[in-house]
Amino acid sequence: MPVQLAATTFREACVRPGTMAPGEVHLRAGARPVEVDHVALVVETGDGLPVIRHQVAARCTLPAGRTRSVPFLLPVPWETPVTLPALPAALVMRTEVRVAGGALSCWTTPFETHPSLGHHRLLEVFRSGGFRLDRAELTHDPLPEVRRSLPFVQRLTFRSPVAAEGDVLVALVANPVGVDAVIATAAGRRHVAVRHDGGAREPERAPAYYRRSEEIRGGSVTEVLMRGFGDLEAAIMQHMWGVAEPVTVRDVHSVLTAERQLAYTTVLTVMDKLFRKGWLQRERDGKAHRYTVVITREQYGANLMREALTDSGDRQVALLDFVRQMTLEEAVALRAALDTFERKISGR
């Protein structure tokens, strides 16, 4: 085998829906140098339905017998099924490594997604009522009460403390504000929205997600929603995307202080936070660290567009409106990108 996978690891113990999960793919070459064409992560259901497909890296070279750690930021959609206590993981993650010449190697591991605050609050409601979680499964049942983007939903089955009442089925669809739950019992169906910040209500028409801008409360939700950067974080990332070589904190500080008053320790603290969040990577150089970006400015922009499309409701309408607002040059670039993608997937 030309490439051996040492491990695919995440920097944080908890991977949660609606976040960017930082981690590394650790690769080792065999007895000969290897030209790696691409590294990708695919998160899918047990029957092969894809939830996430994320390219980690393009072409790189592995010297013989050497190990390389390739960093990534994996976008985890809000609707990703979660892993629940005492139940097996609903998803698997496949690491794909393709070497020059077409040979493809794959490694598969369980993919565990920790419940959000909304999931925890919903589970606590049933637990406090004496209901026991019996099983979790992925279904293709229609849910006209809830808008969603994935072709399946996670459904939980609870055992009632009163045997005569039968099981309670709960279909879950998470979003940035909370979890929409469609509860089915012998008496009928009921749609409840459980918010991450502790509220719960029965939506009149649209779920809470589609009125989220004026309803968000609580720092925990705000932190998860905030895909962009703070003011200083944005300035640092803009500078980092513009440099070709690894830089130190002092290098960045000297550039930023030309425009504003900043303490060296302030820049040091913010760059350390960007590293811990997975936006920057670093290597020690004497007593200092040299930093580089994990993803390019273009990849970051693509992630933002993907999140906006996921949040848009009707994707076809959103895409049509987006195309109508394009300039001619942008439309030509989009057409060229689609042609390139079509050739790639068809193998031409």
Protein backbone atom coordinates (compact mmCIF):
# COMPACT_ATOMS: atom_id res chain seq x y z
CA MET A 1 0.00 0.00 0.00
CA PRO A 2 1.68 3.29 -1.11
CA VAL A 3 -0.02 5.41 1.60
CA GLN A 4 -0.83 4.35 5.15
CA LEU A 5 -3.33 6.26 7.28
CA ALA A 6 -2.05 6.79 10.80
CA ALA A 7 -5.29 8.44 11.99
CA THR A 8 -7.96 11.03 11.28
CA THR A 9 -8.34 13.08 14.45
CA PHE A 10 -10.35 16.07 15.64
CA ARG A 11 -8.81 18.77 17.81
CA GLU A 12 -11.92 19.02 19.98
CA ALA A 13 -13.49 16.11 21.83
CA CYS A 14 -17.03 17.22 20.87
CA VAL A 15 -18.12 17.54 17.24
CA ARG A 16 -21.47 19.33 17.23
CA PRO A 17 -23.99 20.20 14.51
CA GLY A 18 -23.69 23.69 13.04
CA THR A 19 -19.96 24.05 13.68
CA MET A 20 -16.67 23.86 11.79
CA ALA A 21 -14.77 20.92 13.29
CA PRO A 22 -10.96 21.30 13.12
CA GLY A 23 -8.74 18.26 12.82
CA GLU A 24 -5.93 16.52 10.93
CA VAL A 25 -5.51 13.57 8.60
CA HIS A 26 -2.20 11.87 9.43
CA LEU A 27 -0.59 10.12 6.44
CA ARG A 28 2.54 8.00 6.15
CA ALA A 29 4.32 6.99 2.96
CA GLY A 30 5.64 3.49 2.43
CA ALA A 31 9.07 2.56 1.11
CA ARG A 32 8.79 4.97 -1.82
CA PRO A 33 7.84 8.65 -2.14
CA VAL A 34 4.16 9.16 -2.98
CA GLU A 35 2.41 11.89 -4.95
CA VAL A 36 -0.98 12.37 -3.27
CA ASP A 37 -3.60 13.71 -5.69
CA HIS A 38 -6.25 14.58 -3.10
CA VAL A 39 -7.47 13.81 0.42
CA ALA A 40 -11.20 13.94 1.18
CA LEU A 41 -13.55 13.19 4.07
CA VAL A 42 -16.97 11.67 3.39
CA VAL A 43 -19.53 11.39 6.20
CA GLU A 44 -22.42 9.13 5.26
CA THR A 45 -25.21 6.98 6.62
CA GLY A 46 -24.92 3.24 7.04
CA ASP A 47 -26.60 2.67 3.66
CA GLY A 48 -24.30 5.07 1.84
CA LEU A 49 -26.29 8.33 1.73
CA PRO A 50 -23.79 11.23 1.90
CA VAL A 51 -24.20 13.89 4.59
CA ILE A 52 -20.87 15.70 4.20
CA ARG A 53 -18.23 15.56 1.48
CA HIS A 54 -15.21 17.76 2.16
CA GLN A 55 -11.92 17.99 0.28
CA VAL A 56 -9.11 18.28 2.78
CA ALA A 57 -6.15 18.86 0.47
CA ALA A 58 -5.09 18.86 -3.13
CA ARG A 59 -1.79 17.53 -4.54
CA CYS A 60 1.13 17.05 -2.16
CA THR A 61 4.26 14.89 -1.91
CA LEU A 62 5.05 12.40 0.86
CA PRO A 63 8.75 11.46 1.15
CA ALA A 64 9.46 7.77 1.66
CA GLY A 65 8.78 6.64 5.21
CA ARG A 66 7.72 10.11 6.33
CA THR A 67 4.52 11.20 8.05
CA ARG A 68 2.52 14.31 7.21
CA SER A 69 -0.44 15.81 9.08
CA VAL A 70 -2.93 17.54 6.79
CA PRO A 71 -5.21 20.00 8.66
CA PHE A 72 -8.89 20.47 7.86
CA LEU A 73 -12.01 22.36 8.94
CA LEU A 74 -14.98 20.07 8.48
CA PRO A 75 -18.36 21.86 8.11
CA VAL A 76 -20.98 19.92 10.11
CA PRO A 77 -24.55 20.76 8.96
CA TRP A 78 -27.21 21.50 11.56
CA GLU A 79 -29.28 18.51 10.41
CA THR A 80 -26.46 16.01 10.97
CA PRO A 81 -27.82 13.06 13.03
CA VAL A 82 -26.45 13.04 16.57
CA THR A 83 -24.95 10.21 18.60
CA LEU A 84 -26.98 9.36 21.69
CA PRO A 85 -25.91 7.62 24.93
CA ALA A 86 -25.91 3.79 24.82
CA LEU A 87 -26.83 3.81 21.10
CA PRO A 88 -24.50 3.16 18.14
CA ALA A 89 -23.33 6.04 15.95
CA ALA A 90 -25.73 6.78 13.09
CA LEU A 91 -22.96 7.80 10.69
CA VAL A 92 -19.56 6.67 9.44
CA MET A 93 -16.67 8.79 8.17
CA ARG A 94 -14.62 7.61 5.22
CA THR A 95 -11.17 9.09 4.63
CA GLU A 96 -10.27 8.93 0.93
CA VAL A 97 -6.69 9.28 -0.28
CA ARG A 98 -6.07 9.19 -4.03
CA VAL A 99 -2.49 8.96 -5.28
CA ALA A 100 -1.18 9.99 -8.68
CA GLY A 101 -2.07 7.31 -11.18
CA GLY A 102 -5.56 6.76 -9.85
CA ALA A 103 -5.10 4.36 -6.91
CA LEU A 104 -7.67 5.14 -4.20
CA SER A 105 -7.33 4.12 -0.55
CA CYS A 106 -10.20 4.43 1.93
CA TRP A 107 -10.48 4.05 5.70
CA THR A 108 -13.80 4.07 7.54
CA THR A 109 -14.46 4.94 11.18
CA PRO A 110 -17.64 5.74 13.18
CA PHE A 111 -18.53 9.45 13.15
CA GLU A 112 -19.94 10.70 16.42
CA THR A 113 -21.81 14.02 16.60
CA HIS A 114 -22.65 15.30 20.07
CA PRO A 115 -26.18 16.60 20.70
CA SER A 116 -26.78 20.35 20.64
CA LEU A 117 -28.36 22.27 23.53
CA GLY A 118 -31.74 21.87 21.86
CA HIS A 119 -31.28 18.09 21.65
CA HIS A 120 -30.28 17.92 25.32
CA ARG A 121 -33.31 19.94 26.41
CA LEU A 122 -35.68 17.80 24.36
CA LEU A 123 -34.20 14.58 25.74
CA GLU A 124 -34.47 15.93 29.28
CA VAL A 125 -38.19 16.63 28.81
CA PHE A 126 -38.82 12.98 27.95
CA ARG A 127 -36.42 11.67 30.59
CA SER A 128 -38.07 13.70 33.34
CA GLY A 129 -41.46 12.34 32.23
CA GLY A 130 -40.32 8.76 32.74
CA PHE A 131 -39.89 7.91 29.05
CA ARG A 132 -37.01 5.63 28.07
CA LEU A 133 -35.07 6.09 24.84
CA ASP A 134 -35.29 2.74 23.05
CA ARG A 135 -33.66 3.33 19.67
CA ALA A 136 -32.59 5.90 17.08
CA GLU A 137 -32.80 5.43 13.32
CA LEU A 138 -32.67 7.36 10.07
CA THR A 139 -35.91 7.43 8.07
CA HIS A 140 -37.18 8.95 4.81
CA ASP A 141 -40.61 9.76 6.25
CA PRO A 142 -42.19 12.96 4.91
CA LEU A 143 -42.35 15.84 7.38
CA PRO A 144 -44.60 18.52 5.88
CA GLU A 145 -44.44 20.46 9.16
CA VAL A 146 -40.70 21.13 8.85
CA ARG A 147 -38.42 22.50 6.15
CA ARG A 148 -35.22 20.51 5.75
CA SER A 149 -32.35 20.03 3.33
CA LEU A 150 -31.29 16.40 3.89
CA PRO A 151 -33.37 13.55 2.36
CA PHE A 152 -33.67 11.77 5.72
CA VAL A 153 -34.34 12.62 9.36
CA GLN A 154 -33.29 11.14 12.67
CA ARG A 155 -36.19 9.48 14.46
CA LEU A 156 -36.13 8.51 18.13
CA THR A 157 -38.39 5.91 19.71
CA PHE A 158 -39.31 6.39 23.39
CA ARG A 159 -41.00 3.80 25.59
CA SER A 160 -43.84 5.30 27.60
CA PRO A 161 -43.93 4.68 31.37
CA VAL A 162 -47.55 3.61 30.81
CA ALA A 163 -47.43 0.45 28.68
CA ALA A 164 -50.95 0.92 27.34
CA GLU A 165 -50.02 4.23 25.70
CA GLY A 166 -47.53 2.62 23.31
CA ASP A 167 -44.30 4.06 21.89
CA VAL A 168 -43.69 7.72 21.13
CA LEU A 169 -41.89 8.51 17.85
CA VAL A 170 -39.96 11.80 17.63
CA ALA A 171 -38.50 13.03 14.32
CA LEU A 172 -35.76 15.65 14.80
CA VAL A 173 -34.55 18.44 12.50
CA ALA A 174 -32.00 20.84 14.04
CA ASN A 175 -31.33 24.40 12.91
CA PRO A 176 -29.36 27.40 14.25
CA VAL A 177 -32.08 28.40 16.73
CA GLY A 178 -33.16 25.02 18.05
CA VAL A 179 -34.61 21.62 17.19
CA ASP A 180 -37.92 21.06 15.43
CA ALA A 181 -39.52 17.89 16.79
CA VAL A 182 -42.48 16.15 15.17
CA ILE A 183 -43.94 13.91 17.89
CA ALA A 184 -46.19 11.02 16.85
CA THR A 185 -48.32 9.13 19.39
CA ALA A 186 -51.45 7.04 19.25
CA ALA A 187 -53.40 10.27 19.70
CA GLY A 188 -51.86 11.99 16.65
CA ARG A 189 -48.97 14.24 15.61
CA ARG A 190 -47.65 17.40 17.20
CA HIS A 191 -44.91 19.81 16.10
CA VAL A 192 -42.81 21.43 18.84
CA ALA A 193 -39.81 23.76 18.44
CA VAL A 194 -37.26 23.47 21.27
CA ARG A 195 -34.83 26.38 21.25
CA HIS A 196 -31.18 26.11 22.21
CA ASP A 197 -31.64 28.95 24.70
CA GLY A 198 -34.32 27.10 26.64
CA GLY A 199 -37.64 28.15 25.09
CA ALA A 200 -40.18 25.77 23.58
CA ARG A 201 -43.37 26.41 21.66
CA GLU A 202 -45.67 25.05 18.99
CA PRO A 203 -45.00 26.97 15.73
CA GLU A 204 -47.99 28.51 14.03
CA ARG A 205 -46.63 28.03 10.52
CA ALA A 206 -42.91 28.32 9.90
CA PRO A 207 -40.45 26.81 12.40
CA ALA A 208 -38.53 29.12 14.73
CA TYR A 209 -35.50 28.81 12.44
CA TYR A 210 -37.12 31.01 9.79
CA ARG A 211 -37.64 33.87 12.25
CA ARG A 212 -34.32 33.44 13.99
CA SER A 213 -32.90 36.95 13.47
CA GLU A 214 -35.15 38.56 16.07
CA GLU A 215 -35.49 35.56 18.38
CA ILE A 216 -31.92 34.51 19.17
CA ARG A 217 -31.07 34.77 22.85
CA GLY A 218 -28.11 33.48 24.86
CA GLY A 219 -24.38 33.50 24.22
CA SER A 220 -24.15 29.79 23.42
CA VAL A 221 -26.35 30.12 20.34
CA THR A 222 -24.64 33.32 19.23
CA GLU A 223 -21.23 31.61 19.37
CA VAL A 224 -22.42 28.73 17.21
CA LEU A 225 -24.13 31.05 14.71
CA MET A 226 -21.13 33.32 14.32
CA ARG A 227 -19.45 32.00 11.19
CA GLY A 228 -17.50 35.23 10.62
CA PHE A 229 -14.78 36.80 12.72
CA GLY A 230 -14.48 39.57 15.26
CA ASP A 231 -12.90 42.82 14.12
CA LEU A 232 -9.31 41.94 15.05
CA GLU A 233 -9.74 38.31 13.99
CA ALA A 234 -10.91 39.50 10.56
CA ALA A 235 -7.92 41.86 10.22
CA ILE A 236 -5.49 39.08 11.12
CA MET A 237 -7.11 36.60 8.70
CA GLN A 238 -7.11 39.15 5.88
CA HIS A 239 -3.37 39.64 6.43
CA MET A 240 -2.73 35.90 6.71
CA TRP A 241 -4.54 35.22 3.44
CA GLY A 242 -2.33 37.78 1.75
CA VAL A 243 1.08 36.36 2.72
CA ALA A 244 2.83 33.50 0.99
CA GLU A 245 5.19 32.41 3.77
CA PRO A 246 4.64 31.43 7.44
CA VAL A 247 4.72 34.48 9.72
CA THR A 248 5.25 35.15 13.42
CA VAL A 249 2.98 37.10 15.76
CA ARG A 250 5.54 39.93 15.71
CA ASP A 251 5.33 40.08 11.90
CA VAL A 252 1.54 40.44 12.06
CA HIS A 253 1.70 42.94 14.92
CA SER A 254 4.10 45.20 13.02
CA VAL A 255 1.74 45.30 10.02
CA LEU A 256 -1.46 45.90 12.00
CA THR A 257 0.02 48.63 14.21
CA ALA A 258 0.63 50.73 11.11
CA GLU A 259 -3.14 51.30 11.04
CA ARG A 260 -4.18 51.09 14.73
CA GLN A 261 -2.82 50.99 18.28
CA LEU A 262 -2.47 47.36 19.36
CA ALA A 263 -0.52 45.67 22.13
CA TYR A 264 1.67 42.76 21.09
CA THR A 265 -0.02 40.54 23.71
CA THR A 266 -3.44 41.33 22.20
CA VAL A 267 -2.36 40.07 18.77
CA LEU A 268 -0.69 37.05 20.40
CA THR A 269 -3.89 36.15 22.26
CA VAL A 270 -6.14 36.49 19.20
CA MET A 271 -3.82 34.46 16.96
CA ASP A 272 -3.68 31.75 19.62
CA LYS A 273 -7.50 31.73 19.65
CA LEU A 274 -7.58 31.44 15.85
CA PHE A 275 -5.20 28.49 16.14
CA ARG A 276 -7.37 26.78 18.75
CA LYS A 277 -10.49 27.38 16.65
CA GLY A 278 -8.81 25.67 13.72
CA TRP A 279 -8.38 28.67 11.40
CA LEU A 280 -4.57 28.82 11.75
CA GLN A 281 -1.85 26.20 12.10
CA ARG A 282 1.60 26.80 13.52
CA GLU A 283 5.07 25.34 13.85
CA ARG A 284 7.67 26.25 16.45
CA ASP A 285 10.62 28.32 15.25
CA GLY A 286 13.00 28.81 18.16
CA LYS A 287 11.07 30.55 20.95
CA ALA A 288 8.30 31.73 18.61
CA HIS A 289 5.69 30.10 16.38
CA ARG A 290 5.24 30.61 12.66
CA TYR A 291 1.60 30.63 11.54
CA THR A 292 -0.13 29.72 8.28
CA VAL A 293 -3.81 29.48 7.34
CA VAL A 294 -5.68 26.17 7.34
CA ILE A 295 -8.03 27.09 4.48
CA THR A 296 -7.71 29.66 1.72
CA ARG A 297 -9.78 32.81 1.41
CA GLU A 298 -11.62 31.12 -1.50
CA GLN A 299 -12.43 28.02 0.56
CA TYR A 300 -13.70 30.22 3.38
CA GLY A 301 -15.93 32.11 0.93
CA ALA A 302 -17.21 28.81 -0.47
CA ASN A 303 -18.10 27.63 3.06
CA LEU A 304 -20.05 30.86 3.70
CA MET A 305 -21.96 30.44 0.43
CA ARG A 306 -22.71 26.83 1.30
CA GLU A 307 -24.09 27.83 4.71
CA ALA A 308 -26.22 30.58 3.15
CA LEU A 309 -27.63 28.09 0.64
CA THR A 310 -28.40 25.59 3.42
CA ASP A 311 -30.27 28.32 5.33
CA SER A 312 -32.19 29.60 2.30
CA GLY A 313 -35.25 27.32 2.38
CA ASP A 314 -35.94 26.72 -1.33
CA ARG A 315 -32.48 26.15 -2.77
CA GLN A 316 -33.56 26.35 -6.42
CA VAL A 317 -35.19 29.76 -5.92
CA ALA A 318 -32.18 30.99 -3.95
CA LEU A 319 -29.75 29.85 -6.67
CA LEU A 320 -31.83 31.50 -9.41
CA ASP A 321 -31.90 34.79 -7.50
CA PHE A 322 -28.16 34.51 -6.91
CA VAL A 323 -27.45 33.94 -10.63
CA ARG A 324 -29.68 36.88 -11.63
CA GLN A 325 -27.51 39.20 -9.54
CA MET A 326 -24.27 38.06 -11.19
CA THR A 327 -22.22 40.16 -13.57
CA LEU A 328 -21.39 38.69 -16.97
CA GLU A 329 -17.84 37.92 -15.83
CA GLU A 330 -19.13 36.10 -12.74
CA ALA A 331 -21.59 34.07 -14.83
CA VAL A 332 -18.79 33.02 -17.21
CA ALA A 333 -16.64 31.99 -14.23
CA LEU A 334 -19.54 29.96 -12.78
CA ARG A 335 -20.11 28.19 -16.11
CA ALA A 336 -16.40 27.34 -16.35
CA ALA A 337 -16.42 25.98 -12.77
CA LEU A 338 -19.47 23.79 -13.54
CA ASP A 339 -17.82 22.48 -16.72
CA THR A 340 -14.68 21.60 -14.76
CA PHE A 341 -16.74 19.83 -12.09
CA GLU A 342 -18.73 17.86 -14.68
CA ARG A 343 -15.51 16.70 -16.39
CA LYS A 344 -14.06 15.67 -13.04
CA ILE A 345 -17.01 13.53 -11.93
CA SER A 346 -17.37 11.95 -15.40
CA GLY A 347 -13.66 11.09 -15.50
CA ARG A 348 -13.02 12.98 -18.73
